[in-house]
Amino acid sequence: MIDLHTHTIYSDGELIPAELVRRAQSIGLQGIAITDHDDGSNMNFIIPKIVSIASELNDILKNIKVIPGIEITHVPPALIKDKVLNARKLGAKIVIVHGETIAEPVAIGTNKAAIEARADILAHPGLITEQNVILAKENNVMLEITARAGHSLTNGHVARLAKKIGAKTVINTDTHSPANLINIETAKKIAFGAGLEEQDFKTMQKNAYNLIS
């Protein structure tokens, strides 16, 4: 199991990075991305910190890979492309954009802007349109199936369209607290609950692996 969407005390998570990684390691995760929330105001602070701790942990941990990332969150659509580019310049290996979830008042147009900016993952993209799923496929942007309460309400819609169009998907937790982390068996149940099958789940895991390789 690889989880590419988690948060620490550098935004609104409960754990310091090392504890988050240790807890993920203890339930069998093979990879974890630390992707704290950012709107541009804290990017210069967060990303170097995460890059540093990820490098330190990767030097000694052999059975889990730590990936430094960021989640661009509630940024006006017109600013998203610049934020994605800057995040990569600062060393983020995974750039996520907080999608138009039905659980929060994210600006309309965020999904399209994130896909056009070629973010790595569009998180919990809610009632994403078929047009934008087609664009995601063309731009190689992965759509997230999420374990996060509230955001997960539209998993079935996202999974159905992604499968119809052939867009890539990944399954993540959007972890904010220790209880949010899940093992591979729980991840499978979430995928199956969204209408996906065993082969779809294997493909999602392969997508995640390829993204961090």
N, C-alpha and C. Protein backbone atom coordinates (compact mmCIF):
# COMPACT_ATOMS: atom_id res chain seq x y z
N MET A 1 0.85 -1.19 0.00
CA MET A 1 0.00 0.00 0.00
C MET A 1 0.89 1.24 0.00
N ILE A 2 0.58 2.16 -0.91
CA ILE A 2 1.26 3.44 -0.99
C ILE A 2 0.22 4.53 -0.82
N ASP A 3 0.46 5.45 0.09
CA ASP A 3 -0.47 6.54 0.39
C ASP A 3 0.20 7.86 0.02
N LEU A 4 -0.36 8.55 -0.96
CA LEU A 4 0.28 9.75 -1.48
C LEU A 4 -0.39 11.05 -1.04
N HIS A 5 -1.17 11.00 0.04
CA HIS A 5 -1.87 12.21 0.49
C HIS A 5 -2.04 12.18 2.01
N THR A 6 -1.15 12.85 2.72
CA THR A 6 -1.21 12.91 4.18
C THR A 6 -0.79 14.29 4.68
N HIS A 7 -1.12 14.57 5.94
CA HIS A 7 -0.83 15.88 6.53
C HIS A 7 -0.19 15.73 7.91
N THR A 8 0.66 16.69 8.24
CA THR A 8 1.35 16.70 9.53
C THR A 8 1.08 18.02 10.24
N ILE A 9 1.83 18.26 11.31
CA ILE A 9 1.67 19.52 12.04
C ILE A 9 2.10 20.73 11.22
N TYR A 10 2.72 20.50 10.08
CA TYR A 10 3.08 21.63 9.22
C TYR A 10 1.86 22.26 8.55
N SER A 11 0.71 21.60 8.65
CA SER A 11 -0.55 22.26 8.27
C SER A 11 -1.58 21.92 9.33
N ASP A 12 -2.56 21.08 9.01
CA ASP A 12 -3.61 20.80 9.99
C ASP A 12 -3.63 19.35 10.44
N GLY A 13 -2.50 18.66 10.31
CA GLY A 13 -2.40 17.31 10.83
C GLY A 13 -2.01 17.30 12.30
N GLU A 14 -2.11 16.13 12.92
CA GLU A 14 -1.84 16.01 14.36
C GLU A 14 -0.43 15.53 14.67
N LEU A 15 0.25 14.91 13.71
CA LEU A 15 1.52 14.25 13.99
C LEU A 15 2.71 14.97 13.36
N ILE A 16 3.86 14.85 14.00
CA ILE A 16 5.09 15.28 13.36
C ILE A 16 5.43 14.26 12.27
N PRO A 17 6.22 14.64 11.27
CA PRO A 17 6.47 13.72 10.15
C PRO A 17 7.02 12.36 10.54
N ALA A 18 7.99 12.32 11.45
CA ALA A 18 8.60 11.03 11.80
C ALA A 18 7.58 10.08 12.42
N GLU A 19 6.67 10.60 13.25
CA GLU A 19 5.66 9.73 13.86
C GLU A 19 4.66 9.26 12.81
N LEU A 20 4.28 10.15 11.91
CA LEU A 20 3.37 9.75 10.84
C LEU A 20 3.97 8.60 10.03
N VAL A 21 5.24 8.74 9.68
CA VAL A 21 5.91 7.71 8.89
C VAL A 21 5.99 6.41 9.68
N ARG A 22 6.34 6.50 10.94
CA ARG A 22 6.45 5.29 11.77
C ARG A 22 5.10 4.57 11.88
N ARG A 23 4.04 5.33 12.06
CA ARG A 23 2.72 4.70 12.16
C ARG A 23 2.32 4.05 10.83
N ALA A 24 2.67 4.70 9.73
CA ALA A 24 2.40 4.11 8.42
C ALA A 24 3.21 2.83 8.22
N GLN A 25 4.45 2.88 8.62
CA GLN A 25 5.34 1.71 8.52
C GLN A 25 4.79 0.55 9.34
N SER A 26 4.24 0.85 10.50
CA SER A 26 3.78 -0.20 11.42
C SER A 26 2.57 -0.96 10.89
N ILE A 27 1.81 -0.36 9.96
CA ILE A 27 0.66 -1.07 9.39
C ILE A 27 0.94 -1.59 7.98
N GLY A 28 2.21 -1.53 7.59
CA GLY A 28 2.60 -2.19 6.36
C GLY A 28 2.69 -1.33 5.11
N LEU A 29 2.59 -0.01 5.25
CA LEU A 29 2.71 0.83 4.06
C LEU A 29 4.13 0.79 3.52
N GLN A 30 4.24 0.78 2.21
CA GLN A 30 5.55 0.75 1.55
C GLN A 30 6.00 2.13 1.10
N GLY A 31 5.06 3.07 1.05
CA GLY A 31 5.40 4.43 0.65
C GLY A 31 4.39 5.40 1.21
N ILE A 32 4.85 6.60 1.57
CA ILE A 32 3.95 7.63 2.08
C ILE A 32 4.45 9.00 1.65
N ALA A 33 3.55 9.79 1.11
CA ALA A 33 3.88 11.17 0.74
C ALA A 33 3.33 12.11 1.80
N ILE A 34 4.16 13.06 2.20
CA ILE A 34 3.72 14.10 3.13
C ILE A 34 3.36 15.32 2.29
N THR A 35 2.08 15.66 2.31
CA THR A 35 1.56 16.68 1.40
C THR A 35 0.72 17.71 2.15
N ASP A 36 1.38 18.51 2.96
CA ASP A 36 0.65 19.47 3.78
C ASP A 36 -0.01 20.56 2.93
N HIS A 37 -1.04 21.17 3.50
CA HIS A 37 -1.80 22.20 2.81
C HIS A 37 -0.97 23.46 2.58
N ASP A 38 -1.20 24.08 1.41
CA ASP A 38 -0.46 25.29 1.06
C ASP A 38 -1.30 26.17 0.15
N ASP A 39 -1.16 27.48 0.33
CA ASP A 39 -1.80 28.42 -0.59
C ASP A 39 -0.79 29.40 -1.18
N GLY A 40 0.48 29.09 -1.00
CA GLY A 40 1.54 29.97 -1.46
C GLY A 40 2.19 30.72 -0.32
N SER A 41 1.45 30.97 0.76
CA SER A 41 1.98 31.75 1.87
C SER A 41 2.99 30.97 2.70
N ASN A 42 2.87 29.64 2.70
CA ASN A 42 3.73 28.80 3.54
C ASN A 42 4.59 27.82 2.75
N MET A 43 4.56 27.90 1.42
CA MET A 43 5.26 26.94 0.58
C MET A 43 6.77 26.96 0.81
N ASN A 44 7.34 28.15 0.91
CA ASN A 44 8.79 28.27 1.09
C ASN A 44 9.26 27.70 2.43
N PHE A 45 8.35 27.59 3.37
CA PHE A 45 8.67 27.03 4.68
C PHE A 45 8.46 25.52 4.70
N ILE A 46 7.27 25.08 4.23
CA ILE A 46 6.90 23.67 4.37
C ILE A 46 7.76 22.75 3.52
N ILE A 47 7.89 23.05 2.24
CA ILE A 47 8.53 22.08 1.35
C ILE A 47 9.97 21.79 1.74
N PRO A 48 10.81 22.80 2.01
CA PRO A 48 12.18 22.47 2.42
C PRO A 48 12.23 21.62 3.69
N LYS A 49 11.33 21.87 4.63
CA LYS A 49 11.29 21.07 5.87
C LYS A 49 10.96 19.61 5.56
N ILE A 50 9.97 19.40 4.70
CA ILE A 50 9.57 18.04 4.37
C ILE A 50 10.64 17.35 3.53
N VAL A 51 11.25 18.07 2.61
CA VAL A 51 12.35 17.50 1.82
C VAL A 51 13.47 17.03 2.74
N SER A 52 13.79 17.84 3.74
CA SER A 52 14.87 17.51 4.66
C SER A 52 14.58 16.26 5.49
N ILE A 53 13.38 16.20 6.09
CA ILE A 53 13.06 15.05 6.94
C ILE A 53 12.88 13.79 6.10
N ALA A 54 12.34 13.94 4.89
CA ALA A 54 12.18 12.78 4.01
C ALA A 54 13.54 12.19 3.65
N SER A 55 14.50 13.06 3.34
CA SER A 55 15.85 12.60 3.01
C SER A 55 16.50 11.89 4.19
N GLU A 56 16.34 12.45 5.36
CA GLU A 56 16.91 11.87 6.58
C GLU A 56 16.32 10.48 6.85
N LEU A 57 15.00 10.37 6.75
CA LEU A 57 14.34 9.09 7.02
C LEU A 57 14.66 8.06 5.94
N ASN A 58 14.70 8.49 4.70
CA ASN A 58 14.99 7.55 3.61
C ASN A 58 16.40 6.97 3.70
N ASP A 59 17.29 7.69 4.35
CA ASP A 59 18.66 7.20 4.51
C ASP A 59 18.74 5.98 5.43
N ILE A 60 17.75 5.85 6.33
CA ILE A 60 17.84 4.77 7.31
C ILE A 60 16.69 3.77 7.24
N LEU A 61 15.56 4.16 6.67
CA LEU A 61 14.42 3.24 6.60
C LEU A 61 14.46 2.49 5.28
N LYS A 62 14.40 1.18 5.35
CA LYS A 62 14.56 0.36 4.15
C LYS A 62 13.25 -0.23 3.62
N ASN A 63 12.21 -0.22 4.42
CA ASN A 63 10.97 -0.86 3.96
C ASN A 63 9.81 0.11 3.76
N ILE A 64 10.10 1.40 3.78
CA ILE A 64 9.09 2.41 3.45
C ILE A 64 9.81 3.60 2.85
N LYS A 65 9.20 4.16 1.80
CA LYS A 65 9.77 5.34 1.14
C LYS A 65 8.94 6.56 1.51
N VAL A 66 9.63 7.64 1.86
CA VAL A 66 8.97 8.89 2.24
C VAL A 66 9.15 9.89 1.10
N ILE A 67 8.04 10.45 0.63
CA ILE A 67 8.08 11.33 -0.53
C ILE A 67 7.64 12.73 -0.10
N PRO A 68 8.48 13.74 -0.34
CA PRO A 68 8.08 15.10 0.00
C PRO A 68 7.11 15.67 -1.03
N GLY A 69 6.03 16.27 -0.54
CA GLY A 69 5.05 16.82 -1.46
C GLY A 69 4.34 18.02 -0.87
N ILE A 70 3.24 18.38 -1.50
CA ILE A 70 2.44 19.53 -1.06
C ILE A 70 1.04 19.37 -1.60
N GLU A 71 0.06 19.90 -0.90
CA GLU A 71 -1.31 19.97 -1.42
C GLU A 71 -1.70 21.43 -1.53
N ILE A 72 -1.88 21.89 -2.75
CA ILE A 72 -2.31 23.26 -3.01
C ILE A 72 -3.81 23.33 -2.75
N THR A 73 -4.20 24.19 -1.82
CA THR A 73 -5.53 24.10 -1.22
C THR A 73 -6.27 25.44 -1.23
N HIS A 74 -7.48 25.43 -1.78
CA HIS A 74 -8.34 26.63 -1.81
C HIS A 74 -7.65 27.82 -2.45
N VAL A 75 -6.79 27.56 -3.42
CA VAL A 75 -6.14 28.62 -4.19
C VAL A 75 -7.04 28.99 -5.37
N PRO A 76 -7.23 30.28 -5.64
CA PRO A 76 -8.03 30.65 -6.82
C PRO A 76 -7.50 29.95 -8.08
N PRO A 77 -8.38 29.45 -8.91
CA PRO A 77 -7.94 28.70 -10.09
C PRO A 77 -6.88 29.39 -10.94
N ALA A 78 -6.97 30.70 -11.07
CA ALA A 78 -6.02 31.44 -11.91
C ALA A 78 -4.59 31.39 -11.38
N LEU A 79 -4.43 31.06 -10.09
CA LEU A 79 -3.10 31.03 -9.48
C LEU A 79 -2.50 29.63 -9.39
N ILE A 80 -3.29 28.62 -9.71
CA ILE A 80 -2.85 27.24 -9.47
C ILE A 80 -1.63 26.86 -10.28
N LYS A 81 -1.58 27.21 -11.53
CA LYS A 81 -0.44 26.81 -12.36
C LYS A 81 0.88 27.32 -11.79
N ASP A 82 0.93 28.58 -11.38
CA ASP A 82 2.16 29.13 -10.81
C ASP A 82 2.55 28.42 -9.52
N LYS A 83 1.54 28.05 -8.70
CA LYS A 83 1.83 27.36 -7.44
C LYS A 83 2.40 25.96 -7.70
N VAL A 84 1.86 25.27 -8.70
CA VAL A 84 2.36 23.94 -9.04
C VAL A 84 3.81 24.03 -9.50
N LEU A 85 4.11 24.98 -10.35
CA LEU A 85 5.48 25.14 -10.85
C LEU A 85 6.44 25.48 -9.73
N ASN A 86 6.03 26.38 -8.85
CA ASN A 86 6.90 26.79 -7.74
C ASN A 86 7.14 25.65 -6.77
N ALA A 87 6.11 24.85 -6.51
CA ALA A 87 6.25 23.71 -5.60
C ALA A 87 7.31 22.75 -6.12
N ARG A 88 7.31 22.51 -7.40
CA ARG A 88 8.30 21.59 -7.98
C ARG A 88 9.70 22.18 -7.91
N LYS A 89 9.82 23.48 -8.12
CA LYS A 89 11.12 24.13 -8.02
C LYS A 89 11.70 24.00 -6.61
N LEU A 90 10.84 24.01 -5.62
CA LEU A 90 11.26 23.92 -4.22
C LEU A 90 11.58 22.49 -3.78
N GLY A 91 11.25 21.51 -4.63
CA GLY A 91 11.61 20.13 -4.32
C GLY A 91 10.47 19.18 -4.04
N ALA A 92 9.23 19.62 -4.22
CA ALA A 92 8.10 18.71 -4.02
C ALA A 92 8.09 17.66 -5.12
N LYS A 93 8.08 16.39 -4.74
CA LYS A 93 8.05 15.29 -5.70
C LYS A 93 6.63 14.89 -6.06
N ILE A 94 5.68 15.21 -5.19
CA ILE A 94 4.27 14.97 -5.45
C ILE A 94 3.54 16.29 -5.24
N VAL A 95 2.85 16.75 -6.27
CA VAL A 95 2.05 17.97 -6.15
C VAL A 95 0.58 17.60 -6.33
N ILE A 96 -0.17 17.82 -5.28
CA ILE A 96 -1.60 17.55 -5.25
C ILE A 96 -2.35 18.88 -5.26
N VAL A 97 -3.49 18.90 -5.90
CA VAL A 97 -4.39 20.05 -5.78
C VAL A 97 -5.69 19.57 -5.14
N HIS A 98 -6.14 20.32 -4.16
CA HIS A 98 -7.38 20.04 -3.44
C HIS A 98 -8.55 20.28 -4.40
N GLY A 99 -9.19 19.19 -4.80
CA GLY A 99 -10.24 19.29 -5.80
C GLY A 99 -11.55 19.86 -5.30
N GLU A 100 -12.50 19.92 -6.22
CA GLU A 100 -13.81 20.51 -5.93
C GLU A 100 -14.72 19.52 -5.19
N THR A 101 -14.29 19.12 -4.02
CA THR A 101 -15.09 18.23 -3.19
C THR A 101 -16.43 18.85 -2.84
N ILE A 102 -17.43 18.01 -2.67
CA ILE A 102 -18.74 18.52 -2.26
C ILE A 102 -18.76 18.85 -0.77
N ALA A 103 -17.70 18.51 -0.05
CA ALA A 103 -17.66 18.71 1.40
C ALA A 103 -17.12 20.09 1.80
N GLU A 104 -16.55 20.83 0.86
CA GLU A 104 -15.99 22.15 1.15
C GLU A 104 -16.28 23.09 -0.02
N PRO A 105 -16.31 24.40 0.24
CA PRO A 105 -16.65 25.36 -0.83
C PRO A 105 -15.45 25.73 -1.71
N VAL A 106 -14.85 24.74 -2.34
CA VAL A 106 -13.73 24.99 -3.24
C VAL A 106 -14.23 25.72 -4.48
N ALA A 107 -13.45 26.67 -4.99
CA ALA A 107 -13.86 27.48 -6.13
C ALA A 107 -14.13 26.64 -7.36
N ILE A 108 -15.22 26.94 -8.04
CA ILE A 108 -15.53 26.29 -9.31
C ILE A 108 -14.43 26.63 -10.31
N GLY A 109 -13.97 25.63 -11.02
CA GLY A 109 -12.87 25.82 -11.96
C GLY A 109 -11.56 25.27 -11.44
N THR A 110 -11.54 24.89 -10.16
CA THR A 110 -10.32 24.36 -9.56
C THR A 110 -9.90 23.05 -10.23
N ASN A 111 -10.86 22.15 -10.45
CA ASN A 111 -10.51 20.86 -11.06
C ASN A 111 -9.82 21.07 -12.41
N LYS A 112 -10.42 21.89 -13.25
CA LYS A 112 -9.86 22.12 -14.59
C LYS A 112 -8.49 22.79 -14.50
N ALA A 113 -8.36 23.78 -13.63
CA ALA A 113 -7.08 24.49 -13.48
C ALA A 113 -5.98 23.55 -13.02
N ALA A 114 -6.29 22.65 -12.09
CA ALA A 114 -5.30 21.69 -11.59
C ALA A 114 -4.86 20.74 -12.69
N ILE A 115 -5.82 20.29 -13.49
CA ILE A 115 -5.50 19.37 -14.58
C ILE A 115 -4.68 20.08 -15.65
N GLU A 116 -5.05 21.29 -15.98
CA GLU A 116 -4.30 22.05 -16.98
C GLU A 116 -2.89 22.37 -16.50
N ALA A 117 -2.73 22.53 -15.18
CA ALA A 117 -1.41 22.78 -14.60
C ALA A 117 -0.57 21.52 -14.50
N ARG A 118 -1.17 20.38 -14.81
CA ARG A 118 -0.51 19.08 -14.76
C ARG A 118 0.01 18.75 -13.35
N ALA A 119 -0.85 19.00 -12.36
CA ALA A 119 -0.56 18.50 -11.02
C ALA A 119 -0.47 16.98 -11.10
N ASP A 120 0.20 16.36 -10.15
CA ASP A 120 0.31 14.90 -10.17
C ASP A 120 -1.01 14.22 -9.85
N ILE A 121 -1.70 14.78 -8.84
CA ILE A 121 -2.95 14.18 -8.38
C ILE A 121 -3.98 15.27 -8.14
N LEU A 122 -5.20 15.04 -8.60
CA LEU A 122 -6.33 15.89 -8.24
C LEU A 122 -7.08 15.18 -7.12
N ALA A 123 -7.00 15.75 -5.94
CA ALA A 123 -7.58 15.09 -4.76
C ALA A 123 -9.09 15.22 -4.74
N HIS A 124 -9.74 14.13 -4.32
CA HIS A 124 -11.19 14.09 -4.10
C HIS A 124 -11.93 15.12 -4.98
N PRO A 125 -11.99 14.87 -6.30
CA PRO A 125 -12.51 15.89 -7.22
C PRO A 125 -14.02 15.98 -7.33
N GLY A 126 -14.74 15.40 -6.36
CA GLY A 126 -16.18 15.59 -6.28
C GLY A 126 -16.92 15.17 -7.53
N LEU A 127 -17.85 16.03 -7.96
CA LEU A 127 -18.67 15.72 -9.13
C LEU A 127 -17.97 16.22 -10.39
N ILE A 128 -16.77 15.75 -10.60
CA ILE A 128 -15.96 16.15 -11.75
C ILE A 128 -16.71 15.83 -13.05
N THR A 129 -16.55 16.70 -14.04
CA THR A 129 -17.25 16.50 -15.30
C THR A 129 -16.51 15.49 -16.18
N GLU A 130 -17.24 14.90 -17.09
CA GLU A 130 -16.62 13.95 -18.01
C GLU A 130 -15.55 14.64 -18.86
N GLN A 131 -15.79 15.89 -19.25
CA GLN A 131 -14.80 16.65 -20.01
C GLN A 131 -13.48 16.76 -19.26
N ASN A 132 -13.57 17.04 -17.97
CA ASN A 132 -12.36 17.18 -17.18
C ASN A 132 -11.67 15.84 -16.93
N VAL A 133 -12.43 14.77 -16.89
CA VAL A 133 -11.82 13.44 -16.77
C VAL A 133 -11.05 13.11 -18.05
N ILE A 134 -11.63 13.47 -19.19
CA ILE A 134 -10.93 13.28 -20.47
C ILE A 134 -9.63 14.08 -20.47
N LEU A 135 -9.69 15.32 -20.00
CA LEU A 135 -8.51 16.18 -19.93
C LEU A 135 -7.47 15.60 -18.97
N ALA A 136 -7.94 15.03 -17.86
CA ALA A 136 -7.02 14.40 -16.91
C ALA A 136 -6.26 13.25 -17.55
N LYS A 137 -6.98 12.46 -18.34
CA LYS A 137 -6.33 11.36 -19.05
C LYS A 137 -5.28 11.90 -20.01
N GLU A 138 -5.63 12.93 -20.75
CA GLU A 138 -4.71 13.50 -21.74
C GLU A 138 -3.46 14.10 -21.07
N ASN A 139 -3.64 14.69 -19.89
CA ASN A 139 -2.53 15.37 -19.20
C ASN A 139 -1.85 14.48 -18.17
N ASN A 140 -2.28 13.22 -18.11
CA ASN A 140 -1.67 12.25 -17.18
C ASN A 140 -1.79 12.70 -15.72
N VAL A 141 -2.92 13.28 -15.37
CA VAL A 141 -3.21 13.67 -13.99
C VAL A 141 -4.05 12.57 -13.35
N MET A 142 -3.62 12.10 -12.20
CA MET A 142 -4.34 11.02 -11.53
C MET A 142 -5.49 11.57 -10.68
N LEU A 143 -6.61 10.87 -10.69
CA LEU A 143 -7.77 11.25 -9.90
C LEU A 143 -7.82 10.40 -8.64
N GLU A 144 -8.14 11.04 -7.55
CA GLU A 144 -8.06 10.36 -6.25
C GLU A 144 -9.39 9.73 -5.83
N ILE A 145 -9.29 8.46 -5.43
CA ILE A 145 -10.33 7.79 -4.66
C ILE A 145 -9.87 7.90 -3.21
N THR A 146 -10.73 8.43 -2.36
CA THR A 146 -10.27 8.82 -1.02
C THR A 146 -10.95 8.07 0.11
N ALA A 147 -10.21 7.89 1.18
CA ALA A 147 -10.76 7.29 2.39
C ALA A 147 -11.33 8.35 3.33
N ARG A 148 -11.16 9.61 2.99
CA ARG A 148 -11.52 10.72 3.88
C ARG A 148 -13.03 10.91 3.96
N ALA A 149 -13.55 10.95 5.19
CA ALA A 149 -14.98 11.16 5.39
C ALA A 149 -15.42 12.47 4.74
N GLY A 150 -16.59 12.47 4.16
CA GLY A 150 -17.09 13.66 3.48
C GLY A 150 -16.63 13.69 2.04
N HIS A 151 -15.33 13.77 1.83
CA HIS A 151 -14.78 13.77 0.48
C HIS A 151 -15.09 12.46 -0.25
N SER A 152 -15.21 11.38 0.50
CA SER A 152 -15.40 10.06 -0.10
C SER A 152 -16.81 9.84 -0.64
N LEU A 153 -17.72 10.77 -0.37
CA LEU A 153 -19.10 10.59 -0.79
C LEU A 153 -19.26 10.49 -2.31
N THR A 154 -18.29 11.05 -3.04
CA THR A 154 -18.39 11.02 -4.51
C THR A 154 -17.39 10.03 -5.13
N ASN A 155 -16.84 9.14 -4.33
CA ASN A 155 -15.90 8.15 -4.88
C ASN A 155 -16.49 7.36 -6.04
N GLY A 156 -17.73 6.97 -5.90
CA GLY A 156 -18.36 6.16 -6.94
C GLY A 156 -18.45 6.89 -8.26
N HIS A 157 -18.79 8.16 -8.21
CA HIS A 157 -18.87 8.99 -9.42
C HIS A 157 -17.50 9.11 -10.08
N VAL A 158 -16.48 9.41 -9.27
CA VAL A 158 -15.12 9.56 -9.80
C VAL A 158 -14.64 8.24 -10.40
N ALA A 159 -14.86 7.15 -9.69
CA ALA A 159 -14.41 5.84 -10.16
C ALA A 159 -15.10 5.44 -11.46
N ARG A 160 -16.40 5.69 -11.54
CA ARG A 160 -17.15 5.32 -12.74
C ARG A 160 -16.65 6.06 -13.97
N LEU A 161 -16.49 7.38 -13.84
CA LEU A 161 -16.03 8.17 -14.98
C LEU A 161 -14.59 7.84 -15.36
N ALA A 162 -13.75 7.68 -14.35
CA ALA A 162 -12.35 7.36 -14.63
C ALA A 162 -12.24 6.04 -15.38
N LYS A 163 -13.02 5.07 -14.96
CA LYS A 163 -12.98 3.76 -15.62
C LYS A 163 -13.54 3.85 -17.04
N LYS A 164 -14.60 4.61 -17.21
CA LYS A 164 -15.20 4.79 -18.53
C LYS A 164 -14.23 5.43 -19.52
N ILE A 165 -13.51 6.46 -19.05
CA ILE A 165 -12.63 7.25 -19.91
C ILE A 165 -11.24 6.63 -20.01
N GLY A 166 -10.85 5.88 -18.97
CA GLY A 166 -9.50 5.34 -18.94
C GLY A 166 -8.50 6.25 -18.26
N ALA A 167 -9.00 7.17 -17.42
CA ALA A 167 -8.12 8.05 -16.66
C ALA A 167 -7.51 7.28 -15.50
N LYS A 168 -6.31 7.67 -15.10
CA LYS A 168 -5.62 6.99 -14.00
C LYS A 168 -6.21 7.42 -12.65
N THR A 169 -6.24 6.47 -11.73
CA THR A 169 -6.70 6.76 -10.37
C THR A 169 -5.69 6.24 -9.36
N VAL A 170 -5.74 6.83 -8.17
CA VAL A 170 -4.98 6.33 -7.02
C VAL A 170 -5.90 6.37 -5.81
N ILE A 171 -5.58 5.57 -4.81
CA ILE A 171 -6.35 5.60 -3.58
C ILE A 171 -5.47 6.12 -2.46
N ASN A 172 -5.95 7.15 -1.77
CA ASN A 172 -5.21 7.80 -0.69
C ASN A 172 -6.12 8.01 0.52
N THR A 173 -5.50 8.38 1.64
CA THR A 173 -6.28 8.56 2.86
C THR A 173 -6.61 10.00 3.20
N ASP A 174 -5.79 10.96 2.75
CA ASP A 174 -5.93 12.35 3.21
C ASP A 174 -5.84 12.37 4.73
N THR A 175 -4.87 11.65 5.25
CA THR A 175 -4.70 11.50 6.70
C THR A 175 -4.42 12.83 7.39
N HIS A 176 -5.14 13.06 8.50
CA HIS A 176 -4.88 14.19 9.38
C HIS A 176 -4.57 13.74 10.80
N SER A 177 -4.98 12.52 11.14
CA SER A 177 -4.75 11.99 12.48
C SER A 177 -4.38 10.52 12.37
N PRO A 178 -3.82 9.94 13.44
CA PRO A 178 -3.40 8.53 13.38
C PRO A 178 -4.50 7.58 12.94
N ALA A 179 -5.73 7.85 13.37
CA ALA A 179 -6.84 6.96 13.05
C ALA A 179 -7.19 6.95 11.57
N ASN A 180 -6.72 7.94 10.83
CA ASN A 180 -7.05 8.03 9.40
C ASN A 180 -6.23 7.08 8.54
N LEU A 181 -5.08 6.64 9.01
CA LEU A 181 -4.25 5.72 8.24
C LEU A 181 -4.96 4.39 8.06
N ILE A 182 -4.78 3.77 6.90
CA ILE A 182 -5.42 2.49 6.64
C ILE A 182 -4.42 1.51 6.05
N ASN A 183 -4.71 0.22 6.25
CA ASN A 183 -3.88 -0.81 5.64
C ASN A 183 -4.44 -1.19 4.28
N ILE A 184 -3.79 -2.11 3.63
CA ILE A 184 -4.18 -2.45 2.26
C ILE A 184 -5.56 -3.11 2.20
N GLU A 185 -5.93 -3.86 3.22
CA GLU A 185 -7.24 -4.52 3.20
C GLU A 185 -8.37 -3.49 3.27
N THR A 186 -8.19 -2.47 4.10
CA THR A 186 -9.21 -1.42 4.18
C THR A 186 -9.26 -0.63 2.89
N ALA A 187 -8.10 -0.38 2.31
CA ALA A 187 -8.05 0.34 1.04
C ALA A 187 -8.82 -0.41 -0.04
N LYS A 188 -8.68 -1.73 -0.06
CA LYS A 188 -9.41 -2.54 -1.03
C LYS A 188 -10.92 -2.40 -0.84
N LYS A 189 -11.37 -2.42 0.40
CA LYS A 189 -12.80 -2.29 0.68
C LYS A 189 -13.34 -0.95 0.18
N ILE A 190 -12.55 0.10 0.34
CA ILE A 190 -12.98 1.42 -0.12
C ILE A 190 -13.08 1.43 -1.65
N ALA A 191 -12.09 0.83 -2.30
CA ALA A 191 -12.12 0.75 -3.76
C ALA A 191 -13.31 -0.06 -4.24
N PHE A 192 -13.55 -1.20 -3.61
CA PHE A 192 -14.67 -2.05 -4.01
C PHE A 192 -16.00 -1.34 -3.75
N GLY A 193 -16.04 -0.57 -2.65
CA GLY A 193 -17.26 0.18 -2.34
C GLY A 193 -17.55 1.28 -3.34
N ALA A 194 -16.51 1.71 -4.05
CA ALA A 194 -16.68 2.72 -5.10
C ALA A 194 -17.04 2.10 -6.44
N GLY A 195 -17.18 0.77 -6.45
CA GLY A 195 -17.57 0.08 -7.68
C GLY A 195 -16.41 -0.46 -8.49
N LEU A 196 -15.21 -0.41 -7.91
CA LEU A 196 -14.03 -0.92 -8.62
C LEU A 196 -13.80 -2.38 -8.28
N GLU A 197 -12.95 -3.03 -9.05
CA GLU A 197 -12.68 -4.44 -8.89
C GLU A 197 -11.22 -4.68 -8.51
N GLU A 198 -10.90 -5.94 -8.25
CA GLU A 198 -9.55 -6.30 -7.81
C GLU A 198 -8.48 -5.79 -8.77
N GLN A 199 -8.69 -5.96 -10.07
CA GLN A 199 -7.70 -5.51 -11.04
C GLN A 199 -7.57 -3.99 -11.04
N ASP A 200 -8.67 -3.30 -10.83
CA ASP A 200 -8.62 -1.84 -10.74
C ASP A 200 -7.76 -1.40 -9.55
N PHE A 201 -7.92 -2.12 -8.44
CA PHE A 201 -7.15 -1.79 -7.24
C PHE A 201 -5.66 -2.02 -7.50
N LYS A 202 -5.34 -3.12 -8.13
CA LYS A 202 -3.93 -3.40 -8.45
C LYS A 202 -3.36 -2.32 -9.36
N THR A 203 -4.16 -1.86 -10.30
CA THR A 203 -3.72 -0.80 -11.21
C THR A 203 -3.49 0.50 -10.45
N MET A 204 -4.36 0.82 -9.50
CA MET A 204 -4.18 2.03 -8.69
C MET A 204 -2.87 1.97 -7.91
N GLN A 205 -2.57 0.81 -7.36
CA GLN A 205 -1.32 0.67 -6.61
C GLN A 205 -0.11 0.79 -7.55
N LYS A 206 -0.25 0.24 -8.74
CA LYS A 206 0.83 0.37 -9.74
C LYS A 206 1.00 1.83 -10.14
N ASN A 207 -0.11 2.56 -10.29
CA ASN A 207 -0.03 3.98 -10.62
C ASN A 207 0.73 4.76 -9.55
N ALA A 208 0.44 4.46 -8.29
CA ALA A 208 1.13 5.13 -7.19
C ALA A 208 2.61 4.80 -7.19
N TYR A 209 2.91 3.51 -7.40
CA TYR A 209 4.31 3.08 -7.43
C TYR A 209 5.07 3.78 -8.54
N ASN A 210 4.47 3.85 -9.71
CA ASN A 210 5.13 4.48 -10.85
C ASN A 210 5.37 5.96 -10.61
N LEU A 211 4.47 6.59 -9.89
CA LEU A 211 4.61 8.02 -9.63
C LEU A 211 5.78 8.34 -8.73
N ILE A 212 6.11 7.42 -7.82
CA ILE A 212 7.21 7.70 -6.89
C ILE A 212 8.51 7.03 -7.28
N SER A 213 8.49 6.27 -8.37
CA SER A 213 9.72 5.56 -8.78
C SER A 213 10.68 6.49 -9.51
